[in-house]
Amino acid sequence: MTSDTILHRRQILEELLQEILSTVVTFEHDRIPSVGRPRTAGHVFLTAFDGFTPSSRLVDEVLPVAVALELASLQSTVHRQALESGPSSVTDLTHTILRGDLLESSTFEVLAGYDAPPVRLEQCLERFTRATRRVQEGYAIVSGVDADGQHSRSEVVQRLGALTGCGIELAGTLAAVDSVSSELIRRANTFGFHVWYRTTGQSQQVDTTEISTRPSAPSKQLDSLVECWPSRSRDLVDEQLTAFLELSLDYESPDSIADLPESR
C-alpha cells in the first residue's frame, strides 16, 4: 500500500508539473531534463505533512506546495546546466536564462496562490526563498562561479539539499507545528543531496573528499533522518520514505529527458 501511495503521488506531481510547464515554456520544441526527479523535495514534503498531521488532514490539500518545491528544483537545474555547459552563443544563454526565470516566477506564483492563513503563507514564502537561494549558492560553488572558495564539503551538501529540508519546514509550518528541529532539517538536506547525487550522475561536479558516495549512502542518510523524526509518527515516515527511495533508485536513470508539450 505504501508503494502505491508513492506511485500515486508521483503520478499526480508529474501531471501537475506538466500542466504548469505547458503554459510556462514559450519556446518551440523545448526540452527540459527530468533532473529534479525523483521529486525528492516534493515527496519529502508530502510525507512530512503526513507525519505532522496523521489522519487529520488530506495530503492532497497541500499538493500545490509540493509542486512549487519541484518547480524550484527544476529552475535551479536549468540555470546550473547553463553554467556547466557553456552555451555556444549569447542567444542560447539568453534562452536558458529566460526559461529559468519563467520557471522561477511560476514557482512563486504557485506558492503565493496557495490557500493558507496569511501568517502561515508569509512564513512559507520566507523559508522557501531562503532555501532556493541556498541551492543556487550551492550550484554556484560547485560550478566555480563563487570566487570565495572557503566552503567545506558539508556546507556545499547542505546548500544543494536545501529544498528537501525546506519541504520539512513547510510541512511543519502548514501543520502548525510549534518548531521543527534544526537537526531534522539538516539531516533532510543531507538526504536530499545524496538522492540527487545518486540519481543524476553528478560525480564530476562535486568534490566528495569528505562525503560518502557509496551506493548505500542514500539509505544510510534516510535512516539518520528517520531516527531524528518525532516518535509518534516515525514508523509512518520511515515506511513512506523507504518506499520512495526504493522506487526512485529503481526508476531513475541519469540524463533522462522529459519532453514538454510544444508551446501554442
C-alpha atoms as a PDB file:
ATOM      1  CA  MET A   1       0.000   0.000   0.000  1.00  0.00           C
ATOM      2  CA  THR A   2       2.829   2.415   0.819  1.00  0.00           C
ATOM      3  CA  SER A   3       4.432   1.868  -2.600  1.00  0.00           C
ATOM      4  CA  ASP A   4       1.050   2.516  -4.214  1.00  0.00           C
ATOM      5  CA  THR A   5       0.810   5.772  -2.274  1.00  0.00           C
ATOM      6  CA  ILE A   6       4.197   6.946  -3.532  1.00  0.00           C
ATOM      7  CA  LEU A   7       3.417   5.937  -7.116  1.00  0.00           C
ATOM      8  CA  HIS A   8       0.088   7.764  -6.916  1.00  0.00           C
ATOM      9  CA  ARG A   9       1.782  10.899  -5.622  1.00  0.00           C
ATOM     10  CA  ARG A  10       4.469  10.658  -8.293  1.00  0.00           C
ATOM     11  CA  GLN A  11       1.810  10.482 -10.994  1.00  0.00           C
ATOM     12  CA  ILE A  12      -0.109  13.451  -9.617  1.00  0.00           C
ATOM     13  CA  LEU A  13       3.056  15.535  -9.225  1.00  0.00           C
ATOM     14  CA  GLU A  14       4.104  14.805 -12.805  1.00  0.00           C
ATOM     15  CA  GLU A  15       0.661  15.667 -14.153  1.00  0.00           C
ATOM     16  CA  LEU A  16       0.507  18.953 -12.247  1.00  0.00           C
ATOM     17  CA  LEU A  17       4.049  19.881 -13.268  1.00  0.00           C
ATOM     18  CA  GLN A  18       3.395  19.127 -16.926  1.00  0.00           C
ATOM     19  CA  GLU A  19       0.203  21.183 -16.792  1.00  0.00           C
ATOM     20  CA  ILE A  20       2.108  24.187 -15.459  1.00  0.00           C
ATOM     21  CA  LEU A  21       5.133  23.703 -17.705  1.00  0.00           C
ATOM     22  CA  SER A  22       2.961  23.561 -20.814  1.00  0.00           C
ATOM     23  CA  THR A  23       1.921  27.157 -20.126  1.00  0.00           C
ATOM     24  CA  VAL A  24       5.280  28.377 -18.816  1.00  0.00           C
ATOM     25  CA  VAL A  25       7.590  27.240 -21.603  1.00  0.00           C
ATOM     26  CA  THR A  26       7.174  29.611 -24.524  1.00  0.00           C
ATOM     27  CA  PHE A  27       9.901  28.321 -26.817  1.00  0.00           C
ATOM     28  CA  GLU A  28       9.280  25.879 -29.673  1.00  0.00           C
ATOM     29  CA  HIS A  29      10.289  22.254 -29.100  1.00  0.00           C
ATOM     30  CA  ASP A  30      11.650  22.987 -25.639  1.00  0.00           C
ATOM     31  CA  ARG A  31      13.049  20.029 -23.773  1.00  0.00           C
ATOM     32  CA  ILE A  32      13.769  20.172 -20.074  1.00  0.00           C
ATOM     33  CA  PRO A  33      15.829  17.477 -18.390  1.00  0.00           C
ATOM     34  CA  SER A  34      13.971  15.483 -15.813  1.00  0.00           C
ATOM     35  CA  VAL A  35      16.663  16.189 -13.249  1.00  0.00           C
ATOM     36  CA  GLY A  36      14.746  17.165 -10.155  1.00  0.00           C
ATOM     37  CA  ARG A  37      13.093  13.797 -10.373  1.00  0.00           C
ATOM     38  CA  PRO A  38      12.645  11.655  -8.407  1.00  0.00           C
ATOM     39  CA  ARG A  39      10.968  14.765  -6.952  1.00  0.00           C
ATOM     40  CA  THR A  40      12.676  14.340  -3.620  1.00  0.00           C
ATOM     41  CA  ALA A  41      11.697  17.685  -2.098  1.00  0.00           C
ATOM     42  CA  GLY A  42       8.060  17.255  -3.087  1.00  0.00           C
ATOM     43  CA  HIS A  43       7.793  13.709  -1.764  1.00  0.00           C
ATOM     44  CA  VAL A  44       9.600  14.528   1.479  1.00  0.00           C
ATOM     45  CA  PHE A  45       7.246  17.472   1.982  1.00  0.00           C
ATOM     46  CA  LEU A  46       4.150  15.297   1.477  1.00  0.00           C
ATOM     47  CA  THR A  47       5.494  12.609   3.789  1.00  0.00           C
ATOM     48  CA  ALA A  48       6.418  15.184   6.423  1.00  0.00           C
ATOM     49  CA  PHE A  49       2.930  16.689   6.230  1.00  0.00           C
ATOM     50  CA  ASP A  50       1.515  13.207   6.754  1.00  0.00           C
ATOM     51  CA  GLY A  51       3.842  12.763   9.711  1.00  0.00           C
ATOM     52  CA  PHE A  52       2.954  16.075  11.325  1.00  0.00           C
ATOM     53  CA  THR A  53      -0.805  15.645  10.812  1.00  0.00           C
ATOM     54  CA  PRO A  54      -1.522  11.887  10.907  1.00  0.00           C
ATOM     55  CA  SER A  55      -5.116  11.058   9.946  1.00  0.00           C
ATOM     56  CA  SER A  56      -6.275  14.630  10.438  1.00  0.00           C
ATOM     57  CA  ARG A  57      -5.905  16.260   7.004  1.00  0.00           C
ATOM     58  CA  LEU A  58      -5.822  15.067   3.413  1.00  0.00           C
ATOM     59  CA  VAL A  59      -2.367  15.383   1.914  1.00  0.00           C
ATOM     60  CA  ASP A  60      -3.946  16.258  -1.450  1.00  0.00           C
ATOM     61  CA  GLU A  61      -4.758  19.659   0.020  1.00  0.00           C
ATOM     62  CA  VAL A  62      -1.098  20.640   0.038  1.00  0.00           C
ATOM     63  CA  LEU A  63      -0.060  19.283  -3.365  1.00  0.00           C
ATOM     64  CA  PRO A  64       0.468  22.814  -4.784  1.00  0.00           C
ATOM     65  CA  VAL A  65       3.262  23.325  -2.257  1.00  0.00           C
ATOM     66  CA  ALA A  66       4.960  20.112  -3.395  1.00  0.00           C
ATOM     67  CA  VAL A  67       4.657  21.335  -6.981  1.00  0.00           C
ATOM     68  CA  ALA A  68       6.264  24.667  -6.047  1.00  0.00           C
ATOM     69  CA  LEU A  69       9.208  22.842  -4.468  1.00  0.00           C
ATOM     70  CA  GLU A  70       9.724  20.803  -7.626  1.00  0.00           C
ATOM     71  CA  LEU A  71       9.434  23.834  -9.904  1.00  0.00           C
ATOM     72  CA  ALA A  72      12.159  25.473  -7.818  1.00  0.00           C
ATOM     73  CA  SER A  73      14.312  22.372  -8.186  1.00  0.00           C
ATOM     74  CA  LEU A  74      13.810  22.412 -11.940  1.00  0.00           C
ATOM     75  CA  GLN A  75      14.600  26.126 -12.178  1.00  0.00           C
ATOM     76  CA  SER A  76      17.869  25.619 -10.315  1.00  0.00           C
ATOM     77  CA  THR A  77      18.720  22.746 -12.640  1.00  0.00           C
ATOM     78  CA  VAL A  78      18.139  24.847 -15.759  1.00  0.00           C
ATOM     79  CA  HIS A  79      20.471  27.582 -14.531  1.00  0.00           C
ATOM     80  CA  ARG A  80      23.055  25.059 -13.333  1.00  0.00           C
ATOM     81  CA  GLN A  81      23.181  23.467 -16.750  1.00  0.00           C
ATOM     82  CA  ALA A  82      23.771  26.858 -18.325  1.00  0.00           C
ATOM     83  CA  LEU A  83      26.772  27.323 -16.041  1.00  0.00           C
ATOM     84  CA  GLU A  84      28.192  23.882 -16.722  1.00  0.00           C
ATOM     85  CA  SER A  85      27.597  23.513 -20.444  1.00  0.00           C
ATOM     86  CA  GLY A  86      28.617  26.977 -21.554  1.00  0.00           C
ATOM     87  CA  PRO A  87      26.043  27.843 -24.235  1.00  0.00           C
ATOM     88  CA  SER A  88      27.565  28.341 -27.660  1.00  0.00           C
ATOM     89  CA  SER A  89      26.040  31.757 -28.244  1.00  0.00           C
ATOM     90  CA  VAL A  90      24.524  34.732 -26.469  1.00  0.00           C
ATOM     91  CA  THR A  91      21.158  33.657 -27.875  1.00  0.00           C
ATOM     92  CA  ASP A  92      21.461  30.231 -26.254  1.00  0.00           C
ATOM     93  CA  LEU A  93      22.420  31.794 -22.934  1.00  0.00           C
ATOM     94  CA  THR A  94      19.529  34.257 -23.073  1.00  0.00           C
ATOM     95  CA  HIS A  95      17.165  31.412 -23.949  1.00  0.00           C
ATOM     96  CA  THR A  96      18.284  29.389 -20.926  1.00  0.00           C
ATOM     97  CA  ILE A  97      18.152  32.324 -18.518  1.00  0.00           C
ATOM     98  CA  LEU A  98      14.673  33.306 -19.661  1.00  0.00           C
ATOM     99  CA  ARG A  99      13.481  29.735 -19.312  1.00  0.00           C
ATOM    100  CA  GLY A 100      14.826  29.601 -15.759  1.00  0.00           C
ATOM    101  CA  ASP A 101      13.275  32.963 -14.925  1.00  0.00           C
ATOM    102  CA  LEU A 102       9.897  31.805 -16.219  1.00  0.00           C
ATOM    103  CA  LEU A 103      10.118  28.732 -14.024  1.00  0.00           C
ATOM    104  CA  GLU A 104      11.078  30.842 -11.013  1.00  0.00           C
ATOM    105  CA  SER A 105       8.186  33.268 -11.424  1.00  0.00           C
ATOM    106  CA  SER A 106       5.777  30.361 -11.852  1.00  0.00           C
ATOM    107  CA  THR A 107       7.179  28.753  -8.723  1.00  0.00           C
ATOM    108  CA  PHE A 108       6.373  31.750  -6.556  1.00  0.00           C
ATOM    109  CA  GLU A 109       3.019  32.232  -8.260  1.00  0.00           C
ATOM    110  CA  VAL A 110       2.016  28.680  -7.336  1.00  0.00           C
ATOM    111  CA  LEU A 111       3.176  29.013  -3.738  1.00  0.00           C
ATOM    112  CA  ALA A 112       1.772  32.519  -3.206  1.00  0.00           C
ATOM    113  CA  GLY A 113      -1.586  31.348  -4.553  1.00  0.00           C
ATOM    114  CA  TYR A 114      -1.868  28.528  -2.034  1.00  0.00           C
ATOM    115  CA  ASP A 115      -4.891  28.900   0.233  1.00  0.00           C
ATOM    116  CA  ALA A 116      -3.390  29.282   3.701  1.00  0.00           C
ATOM    117  CA  PRO A 117      -3.740  31.806   6.535  1.00  0.00           C
ATOM    118  CA  PRO A 118      -1.707  34.937   5.657  1.00  0.00           C
ATOM    119  CA  VAL A 119       0.747  34.461   8.517  1.00  0.00           C
ATOM    120  CA  ARG A 120       1.415  30.844   7.534  1.00  0.00           C
ATOM    121  CA  LEU A 121       1.811  31.759   3.884  1.00  0.00           C
ATOM    122  CA  GLU A 122       4.247  34.540   4.719  1.00  0.00           C
ATOM    123  CA  GLN A 123       6.324  32.109   6.775  1.00  0.00           C
ATOM    124  CA  CYS A 124       6.291  29.603   3.916  1.00  0.00           C
ATOM    125  CA  LEU A 125       7.424  32.201   1.392  1.00  0.00           C
ATOM    126  CA  GLU A 126      10.228  33.349   3.683  1.00  0.00           C
ATOM    127  CA  ARG A 127      11.554  29.819   4.227  1.00  0.00           C
ATOM    128  CA  PHE A 128      11.083  28.888   0.592  1.00  0.00           C
ATOM    129  CA  THR A 129      13.004  31.946  -0.610  1.00  0.00           C
ATOM    130  CA  ARG A 130      15.866  31.196   1.754  1.00  0.00           C
ATOM    131  CA  ALA A 131      16.079  27.586   0.580  1.00  0.00           C
ATOM    132  CA  THR A 132      16.044  28.427  -3.124  1.00  0.00           C
ATOM    133  CA  ARG A 133      18.824  30.944  -2.562  1.00  0.00           C
ATOM    134  CA  ARG A 134      20.900  28.336  -0.729  1.00  0.00           C
ATOM    135  CA  VAL A 135      20.522  25.855  -3.592  1.00  0.00           C
ATOM    136  CA  GLN A 136      21.618  28.498  -6.086  1.00  0.00           C
ATOM    137  CA  GLU A 137      24.618  29.275  -3.891  1.00  0.00           C
ATOM    138  CA  GLY A 138      25.491  25.586  -3.846  1.00  0.00           C
ATOM    139  CA  TYR A 139      25.389  25.309  -7.622  1.00  0.00           C
ATOM    140  CA  ALA A 140      27.484  28.464  -7.940  1.00  0.00           C
ATOM    141  CA  ILE A 141      30.115  26.931  -5.664  1.00  0.00           C
ATOM    142  CA  VAL A 142      30.376  23.593  -7.484  1.00  0.00           C
ATOM    143  CA  SER A 143      30.334  25.327 -10.870  1.00  0.00           C
ATOM    144  CA  GLY A 144      33.273  27.517  -9.890  1.00  0.00           C
ATOM    145  CA  VAL A 145      31.343  30.792 -10.076  1.00  0.00           C
ATOM    146  CA  ASP A 146      31.744  31.526  -6.362  1.00  0.00           C
ATOM    147  CA  ALA A 147      35.224  33.034  -6.108  1.00  0.00           C
ATOM    148  CA  ASP A 148      35.368  32.731  -2.324  1.00  0.00           C
ATOM    149  CA  GLY A 149      36.110  29.030  -2.302  1.00  0.00           C
ATOM    150  CA  GLN A 150      36.096  28.883   1.501  1.00  0.00           C
ATOM    151  CA  HIS A 151      33.366  26.308   1.823  1.00  0.00           C
ATOM    152  CA  SER A 152      33.591  22.883   3.389  1.00  0.00           C
ATOM    153  CA  ARG A 153      32.060  19.957   1.572  1.00  0.00           C
ATOM    154  CA  SER A 154      29.437  19.629   4.300  1.00  0.00           C
ATOM    155  CA  GLU A 155      28.394  23.249   3.689  1.00  0.00           C
ATOM    156  CA  VAL A 156      28.012  22.513  -0.007  1.00  0.00           C
ATOM    157  CA  VAL A 157      25.922  19.427   0.768  1.00  0.00           C
ATOM    158  CA  GLN A 158      23.617  21.475   2.990  1.00  0.00           C
ATOM    159  CA  ARG A 159      23.117  24.042   0.249  1.00  0.00           C
ATOM    160  CA  LEU A 160      22.499  21.577  -2.566  1.00  0.00           C
ATOM    161  CA  GLY A 161      19.966  19.651  -0.472  1.00  0.00           C
ATOM    162  CA  ALA A 162      18.240  22.714   0.968  1.00  0.00           C
ATOM    163  CA  LEU A 163      14.938  22.264  -0.858  1.00  0.00           C
ATOM    164  CA  THR A 164      14.478  18.869   0.787  1.00  0.00           C
ATOM    165  CA  GLY A 165      14.936  20.333   4.246  1.00  0.00           C
ATOM    166  CA  CYS A 166      12.658  23.176   3.209  1.00  0.00           C
ATOM    167  CA  GLY A 167       9.980  20.592   2.454  1.00  0.00           C
ATOM    168  CA  ILE A 168      10.014  19.566   6.098  1.00  0.00           C
ATOM    169  CA  GLU A 169       9.986  23.211   7.232  1.00  0.00           C
ATOM    170  CA  LEU A 170       6.977  24.000   5.050  1.00  0.00           C
ATOM    171  CA  ALA A 171       5.134  20.893   6.214  1.00  0.00           C
ATOM    172  CA  GLY A 172       5.710  21.904   9.819  1.00  0.00           C
ATOM    173  CA  THR A 173       4.551  25.446   9.104  1.00  0.00           C
ATOM    174  CA  LEU A 174       1.317  24.376   7.411  1.00  0.00           C
ATOM    175  CA  ALA A 175       0.644  21.775  10.103  1.00  0.00           C
ATOM    176  CA  ALA A 176       1.069  24.481  12.769  1.00  0.00           C
ATOM    177  CA  VAL A 177       3.944  22.637  14.445  1.00  0.00           C
ATOM    178  CA  ASP A 178       5.474  24.848  17.131  1.00  0.00           C
ATOM    179  CA  SER A 179       9.021  24.257  15.924  1.00  0.00           C
ATOM    180  CA  VAL A 180      10.879  21.907  13.614  1.00  0.00           C
ATOM    181  CA  SER A 181      14.241  20.639  14.815  1.00  0.00           C
ATOM    182  CA  SER A 182      17.184  22.233  13.019  1.00  0.00           C
ATOM    183  CA  GLU A 183      18.913  18.850  13.177  1.00  0.00           C
ATOM    184  CA  LEU A 184      15.957  17.254  11.386  1.00  0.00           C
ATOM    185  CA  ILE A 185      16.238  19.870   8.638  1.00  0.00           C
ATOM    186  CA  ARG A 186      19.998  19.338   8.390  1.00  0.00           C
ATOM    187  CA  ARG A 187      19.562  15.582   8.001  1.00  0.00           C
ATOM    188  CA  ALA A 188      16.846  16.113   5.401  1.00  0.00           C
ATOM    189  CA  ASN A 189      19.212  18.367   3.431  1.00  0.00           C
ATOM    190  CA  THR A 190      21.860  15.650   3.536  1.00  0.00           C
ATOM    191  CA  PHE A 191      19.369  13.006   2.427  1.00  0.00           C
ATOM    192  CA  GLY A 192      18.218  15.213  -0.443  1.00  0.00           C
ATOM    193  CA  PHE A 193      21.798  15.728  -1.580  1.00  0.00           C
ATOM    194  CA  HIS A 194      22.592  12.018  -1.615  1.00  0.00           C
ATOM    195  CA  VAL A 195      19.460  11.119  -3.586  1.00  0.00           C
ATOM    196  CA  TRP A 196      20.317  13.881  -6.082  1.00  0.00           C
ATOM    197  CA  TYR A 197      23.910  12.693  -6.320  1.00  0.00           C
ATOM    198  CA  ARG A 198      22.914   9.076  -6.803  1.00  0.00           C
ATOM    199  CA  THR A 199      20.198   9.651  -9.412  1.00  0.00           C
ATOM    200  CA  THR A 200      21.685  12.437 -11.558  1.00  0.00           C
ATOM    201  CA  GLY A 201      25.258  11.332 -12.197  1.00  0.00           C
ATOM    202  CA  GLN A 202      26.881  14.427 -10.705  1.00  0.00           C
ATOM    203  CA  SER A 203      30.118  12.727  -9.648  1.00  0.00           C
ATOM    204  CA  GLN A 204      32.217  15.150 -11.659  1.00  0.00           C
ATOM    205  CA  GLN A 205      30.553  18.241 -10.242  1.00  0.00           C
ATOM    206  CA  VAL A 206      31.104  17.867  -6.503  1.00  0.00           C
ATOM    207  CA  ASP A 207      34.305  17.421  -4.522  1.00  0.00           C
ATOM    208  CA  THR A 208      33.418  14.381  -2.445  1.00  0.00           C
ATOM    209  CA  THR A 209      36.586  14.217  -0.349  1.00  0.00           C
ATOM    210  CA  GLU A 210      34.608  14.496   2.879  1.00  0.00           C
ATOM    211  CA  ILE A 211      31.424  12.822   1.635  1.00  0.00           C
ATOM    212  CA  SER A 212      30.448   9.170   1.488  1.00  0.00           C
ATOM    213  CA  THR A 213      29.403   8.410  -2.080  1.00  0.00           C
ATOM    214  CA  ARG A 214      28.827   4.681  -1.726  1.00  0.00           C
ATOM    215  CA  PRO A 215      25.613   3.354  -3.302  1.00  0.00           C
ATOM    216  CA  SER A 216      24.292   2.736   0.204  1.00  0.00           C
ATOM    217  CA  ALA A 217      24.705   6.394   1.210  1.00  0.00           C
ATOM    218  CA  PRO A 218      21.075   7.464   0.499  1.00  0.00           C
ATOM    219  CA  SER A 219      19.743   4.589   2.620  1.00  0.00           C
ATOM    220  CA  LYS A 220      22.062   5.454   5.494  1.00  0.00           C
ATOM    221  CA  GLN A 221      21.045   9.101   5.325  1.00  0.00           C
ATOM    222  CA  LEU A 222      17.399   8.056   5.297  1.00  0.00           C
ATOM    223  CA  ASP A 223      17.963   6.021   8.459  1.00  0.00           C
ATOM    224  CA  SER A 224      19.600   9.059  10.038  1.00  0.00           C
ATOM    225  CA  LEU A 225      16.677  11.282   9.041  1.00  0.00           C
ATOM    226  CA  VAL A 226      14.044   8.886  10.365  1.00  0.00           C
ATOM    227  CA  GLU A 227      15.962   8.453  13.620  1.00  0.00           C
ATOM    228  CA  CYS A 228      15.558  12.181  14.223  1.00  0.00           C
ATOM    229  CA  TRP A 229      11.822  12.197  13.478  1.00  0.00           C
ATOM    230  CA  PRO A 230       9.324  12.624  16.362  1.00  0.00           C
ATOM    231  CA  SER A 231       8.487   9.170  17.689  1.00  0.00           C
ATOM    232  CA  ARG A 232       4.699   9.382  17.342  1.00  0.00           C
ATOM    233  CA  SER A 233       4.834   9.224  13.527  1.00  0.00           C
ATOM    234  CA  ARG A 234       8.303   7.802  12.956  1.00  0.00           C
ATOM    235  CA  ASP A 235       7.038   4.490  11.576  1.00  0.00           C
ATOM    236  CA  LEU A 236       4.784   6.214   9.042  1.00  0.00           C
ATOM    237  CA  VAL A 237       7.608   8.443   7.811  1.00  0.00           C
ATOM    238  CA  ASP A 238      10.014   5.515   7.666  1.00  0.00           C
ATOM    239  CA  GLU A 239       7.611   3.428   5.576  1.00  0.00           C
ATOM    240  CA  GLN A 240       6.820   6.199   3.113  1.00  0.00           C
ATOM    241  CA  LEU A 241      10.379   7.435   2.593  1.00  0.00           C
ATOM    242  CA  THR A 242      11.746   3.898   2.331  1.00  0.00           C
ATOM    243  CA  ALA A 243       9.195   3.143  -0.387  1.00  0.00           C
ATOM    244  CA  PHE A 244      10.023   6.444  -2.098  1.00  0.00           C
ATOM    245  CA  LEU A 245      13.742   5.706  -2.079  1.00  0.00           C
ATOM    246  CA  GLU A 246      13.368   2.144  -3.332  1.00  0.00           C
ATOM    247  CA  LEU A 247      11.105   3.194  -6.181  1.00  0.00           C
ATOM    248  CA  SER A 248      13.293   6.165  -7.062  1.00  0.00           C
ATOM    249  CA  LEU A 249      16.563   4.258  -7.236  1.00  0.00           C
ATOM    250  CA  ASP A 250      14.921   1.573  -9.370  1.00  0.00           C
ATOM    251  CA  TYR A 251      13.170   4.045 -11.647  1.00  0.00           C
ATOM    252  CA  GLU A 252      15.578   6.898 -12.240  1.00  0.00           C
ATOM    253  CA  SER A 253      18.496   6.995 -14.638  1.00  0.00           C
ATOM    254  CA  PRO A 254      20.978   9.834 -15.150  1.00  0.00           C
ATOM    255  CA  ASP A 255      20.471  12.013 -18.201  1.00  0.00           C
ATOM    256  CA  SER A 256      16.826  11.028 -18.681  1.00  0.00           C
ATOM    257  CA  ILE A 257      14.925  13.621 -20.675  1.00  0.00           C
ATOM    258  CA  ALA A 258      11.294  14.626 -20.422  1.00  0.00           C
ATOM    259  CA  ASP A 259       9.586  16.213 -23.415  1.00  0.00           C
ATOM    260  CA  LEU A 260       7.356  19.164 -22.746  1.00  0.00           C
ATOM    261  CA  PRO A 261       4.304  19.976 -24.823  1.00  0.00           C
ATOM    262  CA  GLU A 262       5.045  22.362 -27.661  1.00  0.00           C
ATOM    263  CA  SER A 263       4.112  25.976 -26.999  1.00  0.00           C
ATOM    264  CA  ARG A 264       0.986  27.275 -28.612  1.00  0.00           C
END
